[in-house]
Amino acid sequence: MPLPYKNTLIQNAKKLRRNMTSQEKKLWYEYLRTYPIRFQRQKSISNYIADFYCFKAKLVIEIDGWQHFTEEMLEYDKIRTESFEKYGITVIRFDNADVDKRFDEVCMTIDMTVGRLMDDEAV
């Protein structure tokens, strides 16, 4: 079953793909682009655009910059996550510092999460 999306977000998603943050670029070009299970960048899902999405694992990966740590944005991100979860999607979040300073741990967490989700699906 395809995920719902808004046509109006497609152009914005394309723009975000062309203008990824340095942390998004690092995660994409140094890890996710060649990951054995396909990920998509800036995937429109419902009313939102996820940074990275893996259809097979039903996993969204979000990379949060400093602006995500205000009270308003924390609430917005909570609502976003709940929206994704309604479609059976798991969301994991990393902040920019995680990608910059603990890149190997970020990759390991993603790999373990994908593995767990794929195992759960097989059961």
PDB file of N, CA and C in Angstrom:
ATOM      1  N   MET A   1       0.836  -1.174   0.000  1.00  0.00           N
ATOM      2  CA  MET A   1       0.000   0.000   0.000  1.00  0.00           C
ATOM      3  C   MET A   1       0.889   1.249   0.000  1.00  0.00           C
ATOM      4  N   PRO A   2       0.710   2.124  -0.968  1.00  0.00           N
ATOM      5  CA  PRO A   2       1.531   3.335  -1.020  1.00  0.00           C
ATOM      6  C   PRO A   2       1.179   4.296   0.116  1.00  0.00           C
ATOM      7  N   LEU A   3       2.184   5.022   0.548  1.00  0.00           N
ATOM      8  CA  LEU A   3       1.970   6.023   1.589  1.00  0.00           C
ATOM      9  C   LEU A   3       1.317   7.260   0.982  1.00  0.00           C
ATOM     10  N   PRO A   4       0.459   7.928   1.754  1.00  0.00           N
ATOM     11  CA  PRO A   4      -0.142   9.155   1.241  1.00  0.00           C
ATOM     12  C   PRO A   4       0.893  10.276   1.178  1.00  0.00           C
ATOM     13  N   TYR A   5       0.717  11.163   0.233  1.00  0.00           N
ATOM     14  CA  TYR A   5       1.591  12.319   0.128  1.00  0.00           C
ATOM     15  C   TYR A   5       0.818  13.450  -0.527  1.00  0.00           C
ATOM     16  N   LYS A   6       1.339  14.650  -0.362  1.00  0.00           N
ATOM     17  CA  LYS A   6       0.725  15.818  -0.989  1.00  0.00           C
ATOM     18  C   LYS A   6       1.558  16.240  -2.185  1.00  0.00           C
ATOM     19  N   ASN A   7       0.910  16.334  -3.338  1.00  0.00           N
ATOM     20  CA  ASN A   7       1.618  16.767  -4.547  1.00  0.00           C
ATOM     21  C   ASN A   7       2.331  18.095  -4.342  1.00  0.00           C
ATOM     22  N   THR A   8       1.765  18.943  -3.512  1.00  0.00           N
ATOM     23  CA  THR A   8       2.356  20.267  -3.293  1.00  0.00           C
ATOM     24  C   THR A   8       3.717  20.194  -2.611  1.00  0.00           C
ATOM     25  N   LEU A   9       4.045  19.065  -1.992  1.00  0.00           N
ATOM     26  CA  LEU A   9       5.336  18.930  -1.308  1.00  0.00           C
ATOM     27  C   LEU A   9       6.449  18.428  -2.219  1.00  0.00           C
ATOM     28  N   ILE A  10       6.102  17.908  -3.384  1.00  0.00           N
ATOM     29  CA  ILE A  10       7.093  17.296  -4.269  1.00  0.00           C
ATOM     30  C   ILE A  10       8.178  18.288  -4.681  1.00  0.00           C
ATOM     31  N   GLN A  11       7.801  19.478  -5.090  1.00  0.00           N
ATOM     32  CA  GLN A  11       8.800  20.471  -5.507  1.00  0.00           C
ATOM     33  C   GLN A  11       9.712  20.860  -4.345  1.00  0.00           C
ATOM     34  N   ASN A  12       9.126  20.990  -3.148  1.00  0.00           N
ATOM     35  CA  ASN A  12       9.928  21.322  -1.979  1.00  0.00           C
ATOM     36  C   ASN A  12      10.891  20.180  -1.649  1.00  0.00           C
ATOM     37  N   ALA A  13      10.444  18.946  -1.787  1.00  0.00           N
ATOM     38  CA  ALA A  13      11.315  17.803  -1.531  1.00  0.00           C
ATOM     39  C   ALA A  13      12.499  17.795  -2.503  1.00  0.00           C
ATOM     40  N   LYS A  14      12.232  18.094  -3.770  1.00  0.00           N
ATOM     41  CA  LYS A  14      13.315  18.163  -4.764  1.00  0.00           C
ATOM     42  C   LYS A  14      14.316  19.254  -4.398  1.00  0.00           C
ATOM     43  N   LYS A  15      13.799  20.387  -3.953  1.00  0.00           N
ATOM     44  CA  LYS A  15      14.680  21.487  -3.555  1.00  0.00           C
ATOM     45  C   LYS A  15      15.534  21.077  -2.350  1.00  0.00           C
ATOM     46  N   LEU A  16      14.917  20.384  -1.392  1.00  0.00           N
ATOM     47  CA  LEU A  16      15.656  19.933  -0.215  1.00  0.00           C
ATOM     48  C   LEU A  16      16.734  18.914  -0.590  1.00  0.00           C
ATOM     49  N   ARG A  17      16.476  18.070  -1.582  1.00  0.00           N
ATOM     50  CA  ARG A  17      17.485  17.109  -2.053  1.00  0.00           C
ATOM     51  C   ARG A  17      18.696  17.836  -2.621  1.00  0.00           C
ATOM     52  N   ARG A  18      18.429  18.930  -3.344  1.00  0.00           N
ATOM     53  CA  ARG A  18      19.534  19.703  -3.941  1.00  0.00           C
ATOM     54  C   ARG A  18      20.296  20.510  -2.893  1.00  0.00           C
ATOM     55  N   ASN A  19      19.654  20.793  -1.774  1.00  0.00           N
ATOM     56  CA  ASN A  19      20.246  21.672  -0.756  1.00  0.00           C
ATOM     57  C   ASN A  19      20.348  20.986   0.602  1.00  0.00           C
ATOM     58  N   MET A  20      20.825  19.754   0.616  1.00  0.00           N
ATOM     59  CA  MET A  20      20.946  19.027   1.881  1.00  0.00           C
ATOM     60  C   MET A  20      21.967  19.712   2.792  1.00  0.00           C
ATOM     61  N   THR A  21      21.758  19.549   4.090  1.00  0.00           N
ATOM     62  CA  THR A  21      22.735  20.052   5.049  1.00  0.00           C
ATOM     63  C   THR A  21      24.002  19.210   4.936  1.00  0.00           C
ATOM     64  N   SER A  22      25.085  19.686   5.498  1.00  0.00           N
ATOM     65  CA  SER A  22      26.342  18.933   5.414  1.00  0.00           C
ATOM     66  C   SER A  22      26.207  17.580   6.121  1.00  0.00           C
ATOM     67  N   GLN A  23      25.436  17.530   7.195  1.00  0.00           N
ATOM     68  CA  GLN A  23      25.241  16.269   7.908  1.00  0.00           C
ATOM     69  C   GLN A  23      24.397  15.299   7.083  1.00  0.00           C
ATOM     70  N   GLU A  24      23.367  15.798   6.415  1.00  0.00           N
ATOM     71  CA  GLU A  24      22.559  14.947   5.538  1.00  0.00           C
ATOM     72  C   GLU A  24      23.412  14.416   4.388  1.00  0.00           C
ATOM     73  N   LYS A  25      24.238  15.290   3.811  1.00  0.00           N
ATOM     74  CA  LYS A  25      25.126  14.860   2.719  1.00  0.00           C
ATOM     75  C   LYS A  25      26.071  13.765   3.194  1.00  0.00           C
ATOM     76  N   LYS A  26      26.662  13.973   4.360  1.00  0.00           N
ATOM     77  CA  LYS A  26      27.607  12.984   4.879  1.00  0.00           C
ATOM     78  C   LYS A  26      26.912  11.639   5.063  1.00  0.00           C
ATOM     79  N   LEU A  27      25.740  11.642   5.707  1.00  0.00           N
ATOM     80  CA  LEU A  27      25.035  10.389   5.936  1.00  0.00           C
ATOM     81  C   LEU A  27      24.641   9.738   4.616  1.00  0.00           C
ATOM     82  N   TRP A  28      24.191  10.532   3.654  1.00  0.00           N
ATOM     83  CA  TRP A  28      23.771   9.980   2.370  1.00  0.00           C
ATOM     84  C   TRP A  28      24.955   9.435   1.566  1.00  0.00           C
ATOM     85  N   TYR A  29      25.953  10.277   1.339  1.00  0.00           N
ATOM     86  CA  TYR A  29      27.049   9.897   0.443  1.00  0.00           C
ATOM     87  C   TYR A  29      28.036   8.916   1.063  1.00  0.00           C
ATOM     88  N   GLU A  30      28.157   8.930   2.387  1.00  0.00           N
ATOM     89  CA  GLU A  30      29.126   8.038   3.014  1.00  0.00           C
ATOM     90  C   GLU A  30      28.500   6.766   3.579  1.00  0.00           C
ATOM     91  N   TYR A  31      27.149   6.670   3.544  1.00  0.00           N
ATOM     92  CA  TYR A  31      26.549   5.480   4.123  1.00  0.00           C
ATOM     93  C   TYR A  31      25.255   5.024   3.434  1.00  0.00           C
ATOM     94  N   LEU A  32      24.220   5.833   3.454  1.00  0.00           N
ATOM     95  CA  LEU A  32      22.905   5.371   3.011  1.00  0.00           C
ATOM     96  C   LEU A  32      22.804   5.130   1.509  1.00  0.00           C
ATOM     97  N   ARG A  33      23.519   5.904   0.721  1.00  0.00           N
ATOM     98  CA  ARG A  33      23.425   5.767  -0.740  1.00  0.00           C
ATOM     99  C   ARG A  33      23.787   4.361  -1.199  1.00  0.00           C
ATOM    100  N   THR A  34      24.737   3.728  -0.524  1.00  0.00           N
ATOM    101  CA  THR A  34      25.176   2.390  -0.909  1.00  0.00           C
ATOM    102  C   THR A  34      24.723   1.316   0.077  1.00  0.00           C
ATOM    103  N   TYR A  35      23.829   1.665   0.969  1.00  0.00           N
ATOM    104  CA  TYR A  35      23.317   0.693   1.940  1.00  0.00           C
ATOM    105  C   TYR A  35      22.614  -0.430   1.174  1.00  0.00           C
ATOM    106  N   PRO A  36      22.739  -1.674   1.636  1.00  0.00           N
ATOM    107  CA  PRO A  36      22.158  -2.797   0.883  1.00  0.00           C
ATOM    108  C   PRO A  36      20.638  -2.743   0.702  1.00  0.00           C
ATOM    109  N   ILE A  37      19.967  -2.052   1.575  1.00  0.00           N
ATOM    110  CA  ILE A  37      18.520  -1.879   1.447  1.00  0.00           C
ATOM    111  C   ILE A  37      18.283  -0.418   1.070  1.00  0.00           C
ATOM    112  N   ARG A  38      17.446  -0.192   0.073  1.00  0.00           N
ATOM    113  CA  ARG A  38      17.279   1.147  -0.507  1.00  0.00           C
ATOM    114  C   ARG A  38      16.668   2.155   0.461  1.00  0.00           C
ATOM    115  N   PHE A  39      17.303   3.317   0.519  1.00  0.00           N
ATOM    116  CA  PHE A  39      16.774   4.489   1.218  1.00  0.00           C
ATOM    117  C   PHE A  39      16.467   5.563   0.186  1.00  0.00           C
ATOM    118  N   GLN A  40      15.501   6.401   0.491  1.00  0.00           N
ATOM    119  CA  GLN A  40      15.186   7.566  -0.331  1.00  0.00           C
ATOM    120  C   GLN A  40      15.486   8.816   0.480  1.00  0.00           C
ATOM    121  N   ARG A  41      15.892   9.876  -0.231  1.00  0.00           N
ATOM    122  CA  ARG A  41      16.149  11.168   0.412  1.00  0.00           C
ATOM    123  C   ARG A  41      14.918  12.045   0.282  1.00  0.00           C
ATOM    124  N   GLN A  42      14.666  12.825   1.318  1.00  0.00           N
ATOM    125  CA  GLN A  42      13.602  13.835   1.290  1.00  0.00           C
ATOM    126  C   GLN A  42      12.310  13.247   0.722  1.00  0.00           C
ATOM    127  N   LYS A  43      11.794  12.254   1.411  1.00  0.00           N
ATOM    128  CA  LYS A  43      10.601  11.522   0.975  1.00  0.00           C
ATOM    129  C   LYS A  43       9.336  12.172   1.538  1.00  0.00           C
ATOM    130  N   SER A  44       8.430  12.525   0.647  1.00  0.00           N
ATOM    131  CA  SER A  44       7.144  13.093   1.044  1.00  0.00           C
ATOM    132  C   SER A  44       6.250  11.968   1.577  1.00  0.00           C
ATOM    133  N   ILE A  45       5.820  12.135   2.827  1.00  0.00           N
ATOM    134  CA  ILE A  45       4.913  11.178   3.471  1.00  0.00           C
ATOM    135  C   ILE A  45       3.836  11.986   4.175  1.00  0.00           C
ATOM    136  N   SER A  46       2.606  11.799   3.769  1.00  0.00           N
ATOM    137  CA  SER A  46       1.469  12.519   4.334  1.00  0.00           C
ATOM    138  C   SER A  46       1.706  14.026   4.168  1.00  0.00           C
ATOM    139  N   ASN A  47       1.716  14.756   5.260  1.00  0.00           N
ATOM    140  CA  ASN A  47       1.885  16.216   5.213  1.00  0.00           C
ATOM    141  C   ASN A  47       3.327  16.664   5.420  1.00  0.00           C
ATOM    142  N   TYR A  48       4.267  15.723   5.444  1.00  0.00           N
ATOM    143  CA  TYR A  48       5.634  16.036   5.836  1.00  0.00           C
ATOM    144  C   TYR A  48       6.641  15.509   4.814  1.00  0.00           C
ATOM    145  N   ILE A  49       7.871  15.973   4.960  1.00  0.00           N
ATOM    146  CA  ILE A  49       8.980  15.462   4.160  1.00  0.00           C
ATOM    147  C   ILE A  49      10.004  14.891   5.136  1.00  0.00           C
ATOM    148  N   ALA A  50      10.219  13.580   5.054  1.00  0.00           N
ATOM    149  CA  ALA A  50      11.194  12.905   5.912  1.00  0.00           C
ATOM    150  C   ALA A  50      12.586  13.056   5.303  1.00  0.00           C
ATOM    151  N   ASP A  51      13.595  13.206   6.145  1.00  0.00           N
ATOM    152  CA  ASP A  51      14.962  13.338   5.631  1.00  0.00           C
ATOM    153  C   ASP A  51      15.353  12.094   4.824  1.00  0.00           C
ATOM    154  N   PHE A  52      15.168  10.916   5.416  1.00  0.00           N
ATOM    155  CA  PHE A  52      15.492   9.659   4.743  1.00  0.00           C
ATOM    156  C   PHE A  52      14.411   8.637   5.075  1.00  0.00           C
ATOM    157  N   TYR A  53      14.078   7.799   4.088  1.00  0.00           N
ATOM    158  CA  TYR A  53      13.038   6.795   4.295  1.00  0.00           C
ATOM    159  C   TYR A  53      13.427   5.485   3.639  1.00  0.00           C
ATOM    160  N   CYS A  54      13.251   4.394   4.384  1.00  0.00           N
ATOM    161  CA  CYS A  54      13.466   3.044   3.875  1.00  0.00           C
ATOM    162  C   CYS A  54      12.120   2.328   3.865  1.00  0.00           C
ATOM    163  N   PHE A  55      11.615   2.053   2.663  1.00  0.00           N
ATOM    164  CA  PHE A  55      10.316   1.417   2.500  1.00  0.00           C
ATOM    165  C   PHE A  55      10.292   0.017   3.106  1.00  0.00           C
ATOM    166  N   LYS A  56      11.316  -0.790   2.815  1.00  0.00           N
ATOM    167  CA  LYS A  56      11.317  -2.186   3.277  1.00  0.00           C
ATOM    168  C   LYS A  56      11.319  -2.299   4.791  1.00  0.00           C
ATOM    169  N   ALA A  57      12.039  -1.409   5.465  1.00  0.00           N
ATOM    170  CA  ALA A  57      12.104  -1.451   6.929  1.00  0.00           C
ATOM    171  C   ALA A  57      11.052  -0.549   7.572  1.00  0.00           C
ATOM    172  N   LYS A  58      10.362   0.242   6.752  1.00  0.00           N
ATOM    173  CA  LYS A  58       9.405   1.238   7.266  1.00  0.00           C
ATOM    174  C   LYS A  58      10.084   2.101   8.335  1.00  0.00           C
ATOM    175  N   LEU A  59      11.181   2.726   7.914  1.00  0.00           N
ATOM    176  CA  LEU A  59      12.020   3.513   8.815  1.00  0.00           C
ATOM    177  C   LEU A  59      12.258   4.901   8.253  1.00  0.00           C
ATOM    178  N   VAL A  60      12.025   5.899   9.085  1.00  0.00           N
ATOM    179  CA  VAL A  60      12.379   7.284   8.775  1.00  0.00           C
ATOM    180  C   VAL A  60      13.571   7.655   9.645  1.00  0.00           C
ATOM    181  N   ILE A  61      14.552   8.303   9.029  1.00  0.00           N
ATOM    182  CA  ILE A  61      15.700   8.845   9.753  1.00  0.00           C
ATOM    183  C   ILE A  61      15.638  10.355   9.626  1.00  0.00           C
ATOM    184  N   GLU A  62      15.667  11.029  10.765  1.00  0.00           N
ATOM    185  CA  GLU A  62      15.648  12.492  10.801  1.00  0.00           C
ATOM    186  C   GLU A  62      16.970  12.996  11.363  1.00  0.00           C
ATOM    187  N   ILE A  63      17.526  14.005  10.719  1.00  0.00           N
ATOM    188  CA  ILE A  63      18.739  14.669  11.195  1.00  0.00           C
ATOM    189  C   ILE A  63      18.328  16.071  11.635  1.00  0.00           C
ATOM    190  N   ASP A  64      18.464  16.331  12.927  1.00  0.00           N
ATOM    191  CA  ASP A  64      17.960  17.579  13.500  1.00  0.00           C
ATOM    192  C   ASP A  64      19.071  18.582  13.768  1.00  0.00           C
ATOM    193  N   GLY A  65      18.886  19.779  13.238  1.00  0.00           N
ATOM    194  CA  GLY A  65      19.777  20.891  13.521  1.00  0.00           C
ATOM    195  C   GLY A  65      19.339  21.628  14.783  1.00  0.00           C
ATOM    196  N   TRP A  66      20.051  22.663  15.136  1.00  0.00           N
ATOM    197  CA  TRP A  66      19.797  23.401  16.371  1.00  0.00           C
ATOM    198  C   TRP A  66      18.362  23.908  16.479  1.00  0.00           C
ATOM    199  N   GLN A  67      17.749  24.246  15.342  1.00  0.00           N
ATOM    200  CA  GLN A  67      16.398  24.818  15.370  1.00  0.00           C
ATOM    201  C   GLN A  67      15.354  23.817  15.882  1.00  0.00           C
ATOM    202  N   HIS A  68      15.697  22.540  15.922  1.00  0.00           N
ATOM    203  CA  HIS A  68      14.746  21.524  16.378  1.00  0.00           C
ATOM    204  C   HIS A  68      14.655  21.436  17.896  1.00  0.00           C
ATOM    205  N   PHE A  69      15.450  22.210  18.610  1.00  0.00           N
ATOM    206  CA  PHE A  69      15.489  22.077  20.051  1.00  0.00           C
ATOM    207  C   PHE A  69      14.769  23.209  20.792  1.00  0.00           C
ATOM    208  N   THR A  70      13.988  23.979  20.062  1.00  0.00           N
ATOM    209  CA  THR A  70      13.120  24.951  20.719  1.00  0.00           C
ATOM    210  C   THR A  70      11.862  24.219  21.177  1.00  0.00           C
ATOM    211  N   GLU A  71      11.170  24.784  22.125  1.00  0.00           N
ATOM    212  CA  GLU A  71       9.941  24.159  22.632  1.00  0.00           C
ATOM    213  C   GLU A  71       8.923  23.952  21.506  1.00  0.00           C
ATOM    214  N   GLU A  72       8.801  24.942  20.651  1.00  0.00           N
ATOM    215  CA  GLU A  72       7.854  24.870  19.537  1.00  0.00           C
ATOM    216  C   GLU A  72       8.212  23.753  18.559  1.00  0.00           C
ATOM    217  N   MET A  73       9.491  23.650  18.212  1.00  0.00           N
ATOM    218  CA  MET A  73       9.910  22.629  17.248  1.00  0.00           C
ATOM    219  C   MET A  73       9.888  21.228  17.855  1.00  0.00           C
ATOM    220  N   LEU A  74      10.170  21.112  19.145  1.00  0.00           N
ATOM    221  CA  LEU A  74      10.071  19.804  19.789  1.00  0.00           C
ATOM    222  C   LEU A  74       8.632  19.287  19.715  1.00  0.00           C
ATOM    223  N   GLU A  75       7.671  20.167  19.908  1.00  0.00           N
ATOM    224  CA  GLU A  75       6.259  19.783  19.802  1.00  0.00           C
ATOM    225  C   GLU A  75       5.913  19.426  18.354  1.00  0.00           C
ATOM    226  N   TYR A  76       6.390  20.226  17.407  1.00  0.00           N
ATOM    227  CA  TYR A  76       6.150  19.959  15.989  1.00  0.00           C
ATOM    228  C   TYR A  76       6.729  18.594  15.595  1.00  0.00           C
ATOM    229  N   ASP A  77       7.962  18.310  16.032  1.00  0.00           N
ATOM    230  CA  ASP A  77       8.596  17.034  15.712  1.00  0.00           C
ATOM    231  C   ASP A  77       7.849  15.868  16.351  1.00  0.00           C
ATOM    232  N   LYS A  78       7.302  16.075  17.537  1.00  0.00           N
ATOM    233  CA  LYS A  78       6.499  15.040  18.195  1.00  0.00           C
ATOM    234  C   LYS A  78       5.266  14.713  17.350  1.00  0.00           C
ATOM    235  N   ILE A  79       4.606  15.732  16.848  1.00  0.00           N
ATOM    236  CA  ILE A  79       3.418  15.543  16.009  1.00  0.00           C
ATOM    237  C   ILE A  79       3.798  14.852  14.697  1.00  0.00           C
ATOM    238  N   ARG A  80       4.909  15.264  14.107  1.00  0.00           N
ATOM    239  CA  ARG A  80       5.420  14.622  12.875  1.00  0.00           C
ATOM    240  C   ARG A  80       5.666  13.140  13.093  1.00  0.00           C
ATOM    241  N   THR A  81       6.359  12.826  14.184  1.00  0.00           N
ATOM    242  CA  THR A  81       6.675  11.432  14.501  1.00  0.00           C
ATOM    243  C   THR A  81       5.393  10.629  14.677  1.00  0.00           C
ATOM    244  N   GLU A  82       4.435  11.183  15.397  1.00  0.00           N
ATOM    245  CA  GLU A  82       3.156  10.488  15.597  1.00  0.00           C
ATOM    246  C   GLU A  82       2.452  10.258  14.263  1.00  0.00           C
ATOM    247  N   SER A  83       2.545  11.211  13.356  1.00  0.00           N
ATOM    248  CA  SER A  83       1.945  11.056  12.034  1.00  0.00           C
ATOM    249  C   SER A  83       2.592   9.901  11.271  1.00  0.00           C
ATOM    250  N   PHE A  84       3.912   9.816  11.290  1.00  0.00           N
ATOM    251  CA  PHE A  84       4.609   8.716  10.625  1.00  0.00           C
ATOM    252  C   PHE A  84       4.240   7.374  11.269  1.00  0.00           C
ATOM    253  N   GLU A  85       4.176   7.363  12.595  1.00  0.00           N
ATOM    254  CA  GLU A  85       3.885   6.123  13.314  1.00  0.00           C
ATOM    255  C   GLU A  85       2.488   5.589  12.987  1.00  0.00           C
ATOM    256  N   LYS A  86       1.563   6.453  12.628  1.00  0.00           N
ATOM    257  CA  LYS A  86       0.216   6.015  12.237  1.00  0.00           C
ATOM    258  C   LYS A  86       0.264   5.095  11.020  1.00  0.00           C
ATOM    259  N   TYR A  87       1.313   5.214  10.225  1.00  0.00           N
ATOM    260  CA  TYR A  87       1.485   4.384   9.035  1.00  0.00           C
ATOM    261  C   TYR A  87       2.426   3.208   9.294  1.00  0.00           C
ATOM    262  N   GLY A  88       2.700   2.937  10.573  1.00  0.00           N
ATOM    263  CA  GLY A  88       3.570   1.821  10.927  1.00  0.00           C
ATOM    264  C   GLY A  88       5.038   2.098  10.711  1.00  0.00           C
ATOM    265  N   ILE A  89       5.394   3.374  10.622  1.00  0.00           N
ATOM    266  CA  ILE A  89       6.780   3.773  10.367  1.00  0.00           C
ATOM    267  C   ILE A  89       7.478   4.075  11.689  1.00  0.00           C
ATOM    268  N   THR A  90       8.663   3.523  11.853  1.00  0.00           N
ATOM    269  CA  THR A  90       9.511   3.836  12.997  1.00  0.00           C
ATOM    270  C   THR A  90      10.351   5.059  12.652  1.00  0.00           C
ATOM    271  N   VAL A  91      10.543   5.952  13.604  1.00  0.00           N
ATOM    272  CA  VAL A  91      11.343   7.156  13.395  1.00  0.00           C
ATOM    273  C   VAL A  91      12.527   7.132  14.352  1.00  0.00           C
ATOM    274  N   ILE A  92      13.722   7.341  13.801  1.00  0.00           N
ATOM    275  CA  ILE A  92      14.890   7.553  14.657  1.00  0.00           C
ATOM    276  C   ILE A  92      15.469   8.917  14.316  1.00  0.00           C
ATOM    277  N   ARG A  93      15.937   9.594  15.349  1.00  0.00           N
ATOM    278  CA  ARG A  93      16.449  10.953  15.201  1.00  0.00           C
ATOM    279  C   ARG A  93      17.891  11.031  15.697  1.00  0.00           C
ATOM    280  N   PHE A  94      18.655  11.804  14.956  1.00  0.00           N
ATOM    281  CA  PHE A  94      20.017  12.135  15.357  1.00  0.00           C
ATOM    282  C   PHE A  94      20.157  13.635  15.223  1.00  0.00           C
ATOM    283  N   ASP A  95      20.978  14.237  16.067  1.00  0.00           N
ATOM    284  CA  ASP A  95      21.234  15.660  15.842  1.00  0.00           C
ATOM    285  C   ASP A  95      22.524  15.811  15.046  1.00  0.00           C
ATOM    286  N   ASN A  96      22.756  17.022  14.586  1.00  0.00           N
ATOM    287  CA  ASN A  96      23.924  17.280  13.736  1.00  0.00           C
ATOM    288  C   ASN A  96      25.223  16.840  14.401  1.00  0.00           C
ATOM    289  N   ALA A  97      25.323  17.064  15.715  1.00  0.00           N
ATOM    290  CA  ALA A  97      26.542  16.694  16.436  1.00  0.00           C
ATOM    291  C   ALA A  97      26.766  15.183  16.400  1.00  0.00           C
ATOM    292  N   ASP A  98      25.696  14.401  16.439  1.00  0.00           N
ATOM    293  CA  ASP A  98      25.841  12.943  16.335  1.00  0.00           C
ATOM    294  C   ASP A  98      26.524  12.573  15.026  1.00  0.00           C
ATOM    295  N   VAL A  99      26.054  13.155  13.930  1.00  0.00           N
ATOM    296  CA  VAL A  99      26.619  12.847  12.615  1.00  0.00           C
ATOM    297  C   VAL A  99      28.054  13.358  12.526  1.00  0.00           C
ATOM    298  N   ASP A 100      28.306  14.545  13.054  1.00  0.00           N
ATOM    299  CA  ASP A 100      29.646  15.135  12.986  1.00  0.00           C
ATOM    300  C   ASP A 100      30.667  14.407  13.857  1.00  0.00           C
ATOM    301  N   LYS A 101      30.260  14.002  15.071  1.00  0.00           N
ATOM    302  CA  LYS A 101      31.229  13.506  16.047  1.00  0.00           C
ATOM    303  C   LYS A 101      31.151  12.012  16.326  1.00  0.00           C
ATOM    304  N   ARG A 102      30.025  11.393  16.007  1.00  0.00           N
ATOM    305  CA  ARG A 102      29.834   9.971  16.303  1.00  0.00           C
ATOM    306  C   ARG A 102      29.254   9.250  15.086  1.00  0.00           C
ATOM    307  N   PHE A 103      29.836   9.509  13.941  1.00  0.00           N
ATOM    308  CA  PHE A 103      29.284   8.996  12.695  1.00  0.00           C
ATOM    309  C   PHE A 103      29.193   7.469  12.685  1.00  0.00           C
ATOM    310  N   ASP A 104      30.239   6.791  13.156  1.00  0.00           N
ATOM    311  CA  ASP A 104      30.217   5.329  13.163  1.00  0.00           C
ATOM    312  C   ASP A 104      29.081   4.797  14.036  1.00  0.00           C
ATOM    313  N   GLU A 105      28.835   5.440  15.176  1.00  0.00           N
ATOM    314  CA  GLU A 105      27.740   5.026  16.057  1.00  0.00           C
ATOM    315  C   GLU A 105      26.382   5.255  15.392  1.00  0.00           C
ATOM    316  N   VAL A 106      26.241   6.370  14.673  1.00  0.00           N
ATOM    317  CA  VAL A 106      25.002   6.649  13.944  1.00  0.00           C
ATOM    318  C   VAL A 106      24.746   5.541  12.925  1.00  0.00           C
ATOM    319  N   CYS A 107      25.768   5.199  12.152  1.00  0.00           N
ATOM    320  CA  CYS A 107      25.629   4.150  11.133  1.00  0.00           C
ATOM    321  C   CYS A 107      25.296   2.808  11.766  1.00  0.00           C
ATOM    322  N   MET A 108      25.938   2.502  12.883  1.00  0.00           N
ATOM    323  CA  MET A 108      25.682   1.242  13.570  1.00  0.00           C
ATOM    324  C   MET A 108      24.234   1.203  14.094  1.00  0.00           C
ATOM    325  N   THR A 109      23.770   2.312  14.626  1.00  0.00           N
ATOM    326  CA  THR A 109      22.388   2.386  15.128  1.00  0.00           C
ATOM    327  C   THR A 109      21.397   2.187  13.991  1.00  0.00           C
ATOM    328  N   ILE A 110      21.657   2.826  12.868  1.00  0.00           N
ATOM    329  CA  ILE A 110      20.775   2.659  11.701  1.00  0.00           C
ATOM    330  C   ILE A 110      20.762   1.198  11.268  1.00  0.00           C
ATOM    331  N   ASP A 111      21.933   0.589  11.152  1.00  0.00           N
ATOM    332  CA  ASP A 111      22.019  -0.792  10.704  1.00  0.00           C
ATOM    333  C   ASP A 111      21.297  -1.733  11.672  1.00  0.00           C
ATOM    334  N   MET A 112      21.490  -1.537  12.966  1.00  0.00           N
ATOM    335  CA  MET A 112      20.825  -2.387  13.958  1.00  0.00           C
ATOM    336  C   MET A 112      19.312  -2.185  13.919  1.00  0.00           C
ATOM    337  N   THR A 113      18.871  -0.950  13.723  1.00  0.00           N
ATOM    338  CA  THR A 113      17.441  -0.669  13.661  1.00  0.00           C
ATOM    339  C   THR A 113      16.817  -1.304  12.427  1.00  0.00           C
ATOM    340  N   VAL A 114      17.475  -1.167  11.284  1.00  0.00           N
ATOM    341  CA  VAL A 114      16.968  -1.801  10.062  1.00  0.00           C
ATOM    342  C   VAL A 114      16.897  -3.311  10.263  1.00  0.00           C
ATOM    343  N   GLY A 115      17.943  -3.891  10.809  1.00  0.00           N
ATOM    344  CA  GLY A 115      17.958  -5.334  11.046  1.00  0.00           C
ATOM    345  C   GLY A 115      16.822  -5.778  11.948  1.00  0.00           C
ATOM    346  N   ARG A 116      16.602  -5.043  13.031  1.00  0.00           N
ATOM    347  CA  ARG A 116      15.521  -5.379  13.966  1.00  0.00           C
ATOM    348  C   ARG A 116      14.166  -5.257  13.292  1.00  0.00           C
ATOM    349  N   LEU A 117      13.963  -4.180  12.533  1.00  0.00           N
ATOM    350  CA  LEU A 117      12.675  -3.970  11.865  1.00  0.00           C
ATOM    351  C   LEU A 117      12.429  -5.026  10.796  1.00  0.00           C
ATOM    352  N   MET A 118      13.462  -5.414  10.077  1.00  0.00           N
ATOM    353  CA  MET A 118      13.303  -6.439   9.046  1.00  0.00           C
ATOM    354  C   MET A 118      13.032  -7.803   9.690  1.00  0.00           C
ATOM    355  N   ASP A 119      13.673  -8.082  10.844  1.00  0.00           N
ATOM    356  CA  ASP A 119      13.391  -9.314  11.571  1.00  0.00           C
ATOM    357  C   ASP A 119      11.967  -9.335  12.079  1.00  0.00           C
ATOM    358  N   ASP A 120      11.492  -8.188  12.609  1.00  0.00           N
ATOM    359  CA  ASP A 120      10.118  -8.089  13.109  1.00  0.00           C
ATOM    360  C   ASP A 120       9.122  -8.360  11.989  1.00  0.00           C
ATOM    361  N   GLU A 121       9.438  -7.866  10.781  1.00  0.00           N
ATOM    362  CA  GLU A 121       8.539  -8.033   9.636  1.00  0.00           C
ATOM    363  C   GLU A 121       8.458  -9.495   9.220  1.00  0.00           C
ATOM    364  N   ALA A 122       9.567 -10.221   9.355  1.00  0.00           N
ATOM    365  CA  ALA A 122       9.622 -11.622   8.926  1.00  0.00           C
ATOM    366  C   ALA A 122       8.820 -12.538   9.849  1.00  0.00           C
ATOM    367  N   VAL A 123       8.597 -12.097  11.078  1.00  0.00           N
ATOM    368  CA  VAL A 123       7.902 -12.944  12.070  1.00  0.00           C
ATOM    369  C   VAL A 123       6.427 -13.046  11.773  1.00  0.00           C
TER     370      VAL A 123
END
